[in-house]
Amino acid sequence: MKKIAAACPREAFENVAHCEPLISADEMYALEAELDMDGLRRVRHVGLMLATRDGAWFERLSSNLELAQAISADFEALGKTAKLLKHAADLLEQARRRSEAAIFEGFTASVLLGPLGDDA
């Protein structure tokens, strides 16, 4: 995936105007399906729940074998989920940047936002 980065808006637009799709439609639907899986929701929930815990909770985790086994069973899934979400986030950011470059090339702020100070 080629990232669009440029020093000036015109250069960014030139890159965008000649770019290939970031992913195919089939890849998009596959990614959507993967992000929608029930198992991913559960693992994402476990990961976010762990993010809410403080040091005292992790101290208790270090001495609770049953809880430690339950959490460690999700380590691999948490890593895969994080990687998948990072990939999706990167695609979203690149899509935003491409759109931004095209919009800024094609329209001025006054066209997008209207004349400043005009209440009519």
N, C-alpha and C. Protein backbone atom coordinates (compact mmCIF):
# COMPACT_ATOMS: atom_id res chain seq x y z
N MET A 1 0.84 -1.16 0.00
CA MET A 1 0.00 0.00 0.00
C MET A 1 0.89 1.23 0.00
N LYS A 2 0.75 2.07 -1.03
CA LYS A 2 1.54 3.28 -1.12
C LYS A 2 0.86 4.40 -0.36
N LYS A 3 1.58 4.98 0.58
CA LYS A 3 1.03 6.08 1.35
C LYS A 3 1.20 7.38 0.57
N ILE A 4 0.21 8.25 0.70
CA ILE A 4 0.24 9.54 0.04
C ILE A 4 0.79 10.56 1.03
N ALA A 5 1.96 11.08 0.73
CA ALA A 5 2.55 12.11 1.57
C ALA A 5 3.25 13.08 0.63
N ALA A 6 3.05 14.34 0.84
CA ALA A 6 3.67 15.32 -0.03
C ALA A 6 3.92 16.62 0.73
N ALA A 7 4.83 17.41 0.18
CA ALA A 7 5.20 18.67 0.83
C ALA A 7 4.14 19.75 0.60
N CYS A 8 3.43 19.69 -0.52
CA CYS A 8 2.45 20.73 -0.81
C CYS A 8 1.15 20.09 -1.29
N PRO A 9 0.03 20.83 -1.18
CA PRO A 9 -1.26 20.26 -1.59
C PRO A 9 -1.29 19.83 -3.06
N ARG A 10 -0.66 20.59 -3.95
CA ARG A 10 -0.68 20.23 -5.38
C ARG A 10 0.04 18.91 -5.61
N GLU A 11 1.18 18.73 -4.95
CA GLU A 11 1.93 17.48 -5.09
C GLU A 11 1.11 16.31 -4.53
N ALA A 12 0.44 16.54 -3.41
CA ALA A 12 -0.41 15.49 -2.84
C ALA A 12 -1.52 15.13 -3.81
N PHE A 13 -2.12 16.13 -4.44
CA PHE A 13 -3.18 15.85 -5.41
C PHE A 13 -2.64 15.06 -6.59
N GLU A 14 -1.47 15.43 -7.08
CA GLU A 14 -0.88 14.70 -8.22
C GLU A 14 -0.67 13.23 -7.85
N ASN A 15 -0.23 12.98 -6.63
CA ASN A 15 -0.07 11.59 -6.18
C ASN A 15 -1.41 10.87 -6.14
N VAL A 16 -2.42 11.55 -5.60
CA VAL A 16 -3.75 10.94 -5.48
C VAL A 16 -4.37 10.72 -6.85
N ALA A 17 -4.17 11.67 -7.76
CA ALA A 17 -4.79 11.59 -9.08
C ALA A 17 -4.28 10.39 -9.89
N HIS A 18 -3.15 9.86 -9.50
CA HIS A 18 -2.56 8.74 -10.25
C HIS A 18 -2.38 7.49 -9.38
N CYS A 19 -3.08 7.42 -8.27
CA CYS A 19 -2.88 6.30 -7.35
C CYS A 19 -3.75 5.10 -7.73
N GLU A 20 -3.33 3.97 -7.25
CA GLU A 20 -4.10 2.73 -7.36
C GLU A 20 -4.97 2.62 -6.11
N PRO A 21 -6.02 1.82 -6.16
CA PRO A 21 -6.82 1.61 -4.94
C PRO A 21 -5.95 1.04 -3.82
N LEU A 22 -6.29 1.41 -2.60
CA LEU A 22 -5.56 0.87 -1.45
C LEU A 22 -5.80 -0.62 -1.31
N ILE A 23 -7.03 -1.05 -1.52
CA ILE A 23 -7.41 -2.46 -1.47
C ILE A 23 -8.50 -2.69 -2.51
N SER A 24 -8.71 -3.94 -2.86
CA SER A 24 -9.78 -4.28 -3.80
C SER A 24 -11.12 -4.32 -3.07
N ALA A 25 -12.20 -4.33 -3.83
CA ALA A 25 -13.53 -4.44 -3.23
C ALA A 25 -13.65 -5.76 -2.47
N ASP A 26 -13.10 -6.84 -3.02
CA ASP A 26 -13.14 -8.14 -2.32
C ASP A 26 -12.40 -8.07 -0.99
N GLU A 27 -11.24 -7.40 -0.99
CA GLU A 27 -10.48 -7.25 0.25
C GLU A 27 -11.25 -6.40 1.26
N MET A 28 -11.95 -5.39 0.76
CA MET A 28 -12.75 -4.55 1.65
C MET A 28 -13.85 -5.37 2.33
N TYR A 29 -14.57 -6.17 1.53
CA TYR A 29 -15.65 -6.98 2.11
C TYR A 29 -15.10 -8.03 3.08
N ALA A 30 -13.94 -8.59 2.76
CA ALA A 30 -13.32 -9.57 3.66
C ALA A 30 -12.90 -8.90 4.97
N LEU A 31 -12.34 -7.71 4.89
CA LEU A 31 -11.94 -6.98 6.09
C LEU A 31 -13.16 -6.60 6.92
N GLU A 32 -14.22 -6.14 6.25
CA GLU A 32 -15.46 -5.81 6.94
C GLU A 32 -16.00 -7.04 7.69
N ALA A 33 -15.99 -8.18 7.02
CA ALA A 33 -16.50 -9.42 7.63
C ALA A 33 -15.64 -9.80 8.83
N GLU A 34 -14.33 -9.66 8.67
CA GLU A 34 -13.42 -10.02 9.77
C GLU A 34 -13.63 -9.08 10.97
N LEU A 35 -13.82 -7.79 10.70
CA LEU A 35 -14.05 -6.83 11.78
C LEU A 35 -15.40 -7.04 12.46
N ASP A 36 -16.33 -7.68 11.77
CA ASP A 36 -17.67 -7.90 12.30
C ASP A 36 -17.83 -9.24 13.04
N MET A 37 -16.81 -10.07 13.02
CA MET A 37 -16.92 -11.40 13.63
C MET A 37 -17.17 -11.30 15.13
N ASP A 38 -18.03 -12.20 15.62
CA ASP A 38 -18.34 -12.23 17.05
C ASP A 38 -17.09 -12.46 17.90
N GLY A 39 -16.22 -13.35 17.46
CA GLY A 39 -15.00 -13.64 18.21
C GLY A 39 -14.12 -12.40 18.34
N LEU A 40 -14.08 -11.60 17.29
CA LEU A 40 -13.29 -10.37 17.34
C LEU A 40 -13.89 -9.39 18.35
N ARG A 41 -15.21 -9.34 18.38
CA ARG A 41 -15.87 -8.45 19.36
C ARG A 41 -15.50 -8.86 20.79
N ARG A 42 -15.49 -10.16 21.05
CA ARG A 42 -15.17 -10.64 22.39
C ARG A 42 -13.73 -10.31 22.75
N VAL A 43 -12.81 -10.58 21.85
CA VAL A 43 -11.39 -10.30 22.11
C VAL A 43 -11.17 -8.80 22.27
N ARG A 44 -11.81 -8.02 21.41
CA ARG A 44 -11.70 -6.56 21.52
C ARG A 44 -12.22 -6.09 22.88
N HIS A 45 -13.31 -6.69 23.32
CA HIS A 45 -13.87 -6.34 24.64
C HIS A 45 -12.89 -6.69 25.76
N VAL A 46 -12.30 -7.88 25.68
CA VAL A 46 -11.32 -8.29 26.70
C VAL A 46 -10.15 -7.30 26.72
N GLY A 47 -9.63 -6.96 25.54
CA GLY A 47 -8.52 -6.02 25.46
C GLY A 47 -8.87 -4.66 26.02
N LEU A 48 -10.04 -4.16 25.68
CA LEU A 48 -10.45 -2.85 26.20
C LEU A 48 -10.71 -2.92 27.70
N MET A 49 -11.27 -4.04 28.17
CA MET A 49 -11.47 -4.22 29.60
C MET A 49 -10.12 -4.19 30.33
N LEU A 50 -9.12 -4.85 29.76
CA LEU A 50 -7.78 -4.84 30.37
C LEU A 50 -7.21 -3.42 30.41
N ALA A 51 -7.56 -2.62 29.42
CA ALA A 51 -7.07 -1.24 29.37
C ALA A 51 -7.66 -0.39 30.49
N THR A 52 -8.76 -0.83 31.09
CA THR A 52 -9.37 -0.07 32.18
C THR A 52 -8.80 -0.44 33.54
N ARG A 53 -7.98 -1.47 33.60
CA ARG A 53 -7.48 -1.97 34.88
C ARG A 53 -6.26 -1.18 35.36
N ASP A 54 -6.14 -1.08 36.67
CA ASP A 54 -5.01 -0.36 37.26
C ASP A 54 -3.97 -1.36 37.77
N GLY A 55 -2.91 -0.82 38.34
CA GLY A 55 -1.81 -1.65 38.82
C GLY A 55 -2.22 -2.66 39.87
N ALA A 56 -3.14 -2.26 40.76
CA ALA A 56 -3.58 -3.18 41.82
C ALA A 56 -4.25 -4.41 41.20
N TRP A 57 -5.02 -4.20 40.16
CA TRP A 57 -5.68 -5.33 39.49
C TRP A 57 -4.63 -6.26 38.89
N PHE A 58 -3.60 -5.69 38.25
CA PHE A 58 -2.57 -6.53 37.65
C PHE A 58 -1.75 -7.26 38.72
N GLU A 59 -1.60 -6.65 39.89
CA GLU A 59 -0.96 -7.36 41.00
C GLU A 59 -1.78 -8.58 41.39
N ARG A 60 -3.10 -8.40 41.47
CA ARG A 60 -3.99 -9.55 41.79
C ARG A 60 -3.91 -10.60 40.69
N LEU A 61 -3.84 -10.15 39.45
CA LEU A 61 -3.72 -11.09 38.32
C LEU A 61 -2.48 -11.95 38.46
N SER A 62 -1.40 -11.36 38.94
CA SER A 62 -0.13 -12.10 39.06
C SER A 62 -0.19 -13.22 40.08
N SER A 63 -1.20 -13.21 40.95
CA SER A 63 -1.30 -14.26 41.95
C SER A 63 -2.58 -15.09 41.84
N ASN A 64 -3.35 -14.90 40.77
CA ASN A 64 -4.60 -15.62 40.56
C ASN A 64 -4.44 -16.51 39.33
N LEU A 65 -4.12 -17.76 39.56
CA LEU A 65 -3.82 -18.69 38.46
C LEU A 65 -4.99 -18.85 37.51
N GLU A 66 -6.19 -18.99 38.02
CA GLU A 66 -7.36 -19.19 37.17
C GLU A 66 -7.59 -17.99 36.23
N LEU A 67 -7.52 -16.81 36.78
CA LEU A 67 -7.70 -15.59 35.98
C LEU A 67 -6.54 -15.43 35.00
N ALA A 68 -5.33 -15.72 35.46
CA ALA A 68 -4.15 -15.62 34.59
C ALA A 68 -4.28 -16.56 33.39
N GLN A 69 -4.77 -17.77 33.62
CA GLN A 69 -4.95 -18.73 32.52
C GLN A 69 -6.02 -18.23 31.55
N ALA A 70 -7.08 -17.66 32.06
CA ALA A 70 -8.15 -17.15 31.19
C ALA A 70 -7.65 -16.00 30.33
N ILE A 71 -6.92 -15.08 30.93
CA ILE A 71 -6.40 -13.92 30.19
C ILE A 71 -5.33 -14.34 29.20
N SER A 72 -4.42 -15.21 29.62
CA SER A 72 -3.33 -15.61 28.74
C SER A 72 -3.82 -16.40 27.53
N ALA A 73 -4.98 -17.03 27.65
CA ALA A 73 -5.56 -17.75 26.51
C ALA A 73 -5.90 -16.79 25.37
N ASP A 74 -6.05 -15.50 25.68
CA ASP A 74 -6.40 -14.51 24.66
C ASP A 74 -5.20 -13.74 24.13
N PHE A 75 -3.99 -14.01 24.61
CA PHE A 75 -2.83 -13.24 24.18
C PHE A 75 -2.66 -13.24 22.67
N GLU A 76 -2.68 -14.42 22.05
CA GLU A 76 -2.48 -14.50 20.60
C GLU A 76 -3.61 -13.77 19.87
N ALA A 77 -4.84 -13.99 20.31
CA ALA A 77 -5.98 -13.33 19.67
C ALA A 77 -5.92 -11.81 19.85
N LEU A 78 -5.46 -11.36 21.02
CA LEU A 78 -5.31 -9.92 21.24
C LEU A 78 -4.27 -9.33 20.28
N GLY A 79 -3.18 -10.03 20.09
CA GLY A 79 -2.16 -9.56 19.15
C GLY A 79 -2.67 -9.50 17.72
N LYS A 80 -3.38 -10.54 17.29
CA LYS A 80 -3.94 -10.56 15.94
C LYS A 80 -4.99 -9.46 15.76
N THR A 81 -5.80 -9.25 16.79
CA THR A 81 -6.83 -8.21 16.74
C THR A 81 -6.19 -6.83 16.64
N ALA A 82 -5.16 -6.60 17.43
CA ALA A 82 -4.46 -5.31 17.38
C ALA A 82 -3.88 -5.07 15.99
N LYS A 83 -3.30 -6.11 15.40
CA LYS A 83 -2.71 -5.98 14.06
C LYS A 83 -3.80 -5.68 13.03
N LEU A 84 -4.93 -6.37 13.12
CA LEU A 84 -6.04 -6.15 12.20
C LEU A 84 -6.59 -4.72 12.33
N LEU A 85 -6.76 -4.26 13.57
CA LEU A 85 -7.29 -2.92 13.79
C LEU A 85 -6.29 -1.85 13.33
N LYS A 86 -5.00 -2.08 13.50
CA LYS A 86 -3.99 -1.14 13.00
C LYS A 86 -4.04 -1.06 11.48
N HIS A 87 -4.21 -2.22 10.83
CA HIS A 87 -4.32 -2.25 9.37
C HIS A 87 -5.55 -1.46 8.91
N ALA A 88 -6.68 -1.70 9.56
CA ALA A 88 -7.91 -0.98 9.21
C ALA A 88 -7.74 0.51 9.46
N ALA A 89 -7.12 0.88 10.57
CA ALA A 89 -6.91 2.30 10.89
C ALA A 89 -6.01 2.96 9.86
N ASP A 90 -4.99 2.24 9.40
CA ASP A 90 -4.10 2.78 8.37
C ASP A 90 -4.85 3.00 7.07
N LEU A 91 -5.70 2.05 6.69
CA LEU A 91 -6.51 2.22 5.47
C LEU A 91 -7.43 3.43 5.60
N LEU A 92 -8.07 3.58 6.75
CA LEU A 92 -8.97 4.72 6.96
C LEU A 92 -8.21 6.04 6.88
N GLU A 93 -7.03 6.09 7.47
CA GLU A 93 -6.24 7.32 7.44
C GLU A 93 -5.80 7.65 6.02
N GLN A 94 -5.37 6.65 5.27
CA GLN A 94 -4.97 6.89 3.88
C GLN A 94 -6.15 7.33 3.02
N ALA A 95 -7.31 6.73 3.24
CA ALA A 95 -8.51 7.14 2.50
C ALA A 95 -8.86 8.59 2.83
N ARG A 96 -8.74 8.96 4.10
CA ARG A 96 -9.00 10.34 4.51
C ARG A 96 -8.03 11.30 3.84
N ARG A 97 -6.75 10.95 3.83
CA ARG A 97 -5.74 11.82 3.23
C ARG A 97 -5.95 11.98 1.73
N ARG A 98 -6.30 10.89 1.06
CA ARG A 98 -6.56 10.98 -0.38
C ARG A 98 -7.75 11.89 -0.65
N SER A 99 -8.80 11.70 0.10
CA SER A 99 -10.00 12.53 -0.08
C SER A 99 -9.68 13.99 0.21
N GLU A 100 -8.94 14.23 1.27
CA GLU A 100 -8.56 15.59 1.64
C GLU A 100 -7.76 16.26 0.54
N ALA A 101 -6.80 15.55 -0.04
CA ALA A 101 -5.98 16.11 -1.11
C ALA A 101 -6.84 16.48 -2.32
N ALA A 102 -7.77 15.61 -2.67
CA ALA A 102 -8.64 15.88 -3.83
C ALA A 102 -9.57 17.05 -3.55
N ILE A 103 -10.14 17.09 -2.37
CA ILE A 103 -11.07 18.17 -2.03
C ILE A 103 -10.35 19.52 -1.98
N PHE A 104 -9.18 19.57 -1.35
CA PHE A 104 -8.45 20.83 -1.27
C PHE A 104 -7.96 21.29 -2.63
N GLU A 105 -7.69 20.35 -3.53
CA GLU A 105 -7.29 20.73 -4.88
C GLU A 105 -8.47 21.29 -5.66
N GLY A 106 -9.64 20.68 -5.46
CA GLY A 106 -10.80 21.05 -6.28
C GLY A 106 -11.62 22.20 -5.74
N PHE A 107 -11.53 22.47 -4.47
CA PHE A 107 -12.38 23.49 -3.87
C PHE A 107 -11.57 24.37 -2.94
N THR A 108 -11.95 25.61 -2.87
CA THR A 108 -11.34 26.51 -1.90
C THR A 108 -12.18 26.45 -0.63
N ALA A 109 -11.64 26.95 0.45
CA ALA A 109 -12.38 26.97 1.71
C ALA A 109 -13.68 27.74 1.57
N SER A 110 -13.67 28.82 0.80
CA SER A 110 -14.89 29.62 0.66
C SER A 110 -15.99 28.85 -0.07
N VAL A 111 -15.62 27.98 -0.99
CA VAL A 111 -16.62 27.17 -1.68
C VAL A 111 -17.19 26.14 -0.72
N LEU A 112 -16.32 25.51 0.08
CA LEU A 112 -16.77 24.48 1.01
C LEU A 112 -17.55 25.06 2.18
N LEU A 113 -17.07 26.18 2.72
CA LEU A 113 -17.64 26.73 3.95
C LEU A 113 -18.56 27.91 3.71
N GLY A 114 -18.55 28.46 2.52
CA GLY A 114 -19.35 29.65 2.24
C GLY A 114 -18.57 30.89 2.67
N PRO A 115 -19.07 32.08 2.27
CA PRO A 115 -18.37 33.31 2.64
C PRO A 115 -18.39 33.50 4.16
N LEU A 116 -17.26 33.87 4.71
CA LEU A 116 -17.17 34.11 6.15
C LEU A 116 -17.91 35.40 6.52
N GLY A 117 -18.63 35.36 7.61
CA GLY A 117 -19.32 36.54 8.09
C GLY A 117 -20.64 36.81 7.42
N ASP A 118 -21.03 35.99 6.47
CA ASP A 118 -22.30 36.20 5.76
C ASP A 118 -23.36 35.34 6.41
N ASP A 119 -24.29 35.97 7.09
CA ASP A 119 -25.36 35.24 7.79
C ASP A 119 -26.53 34.92 6.89
N ALA A 120 -26.54 35.43 5.68
CA ALA A 120 -27.70 35.24 4.80
C ALA A 120 -27.76 33.85 4.24
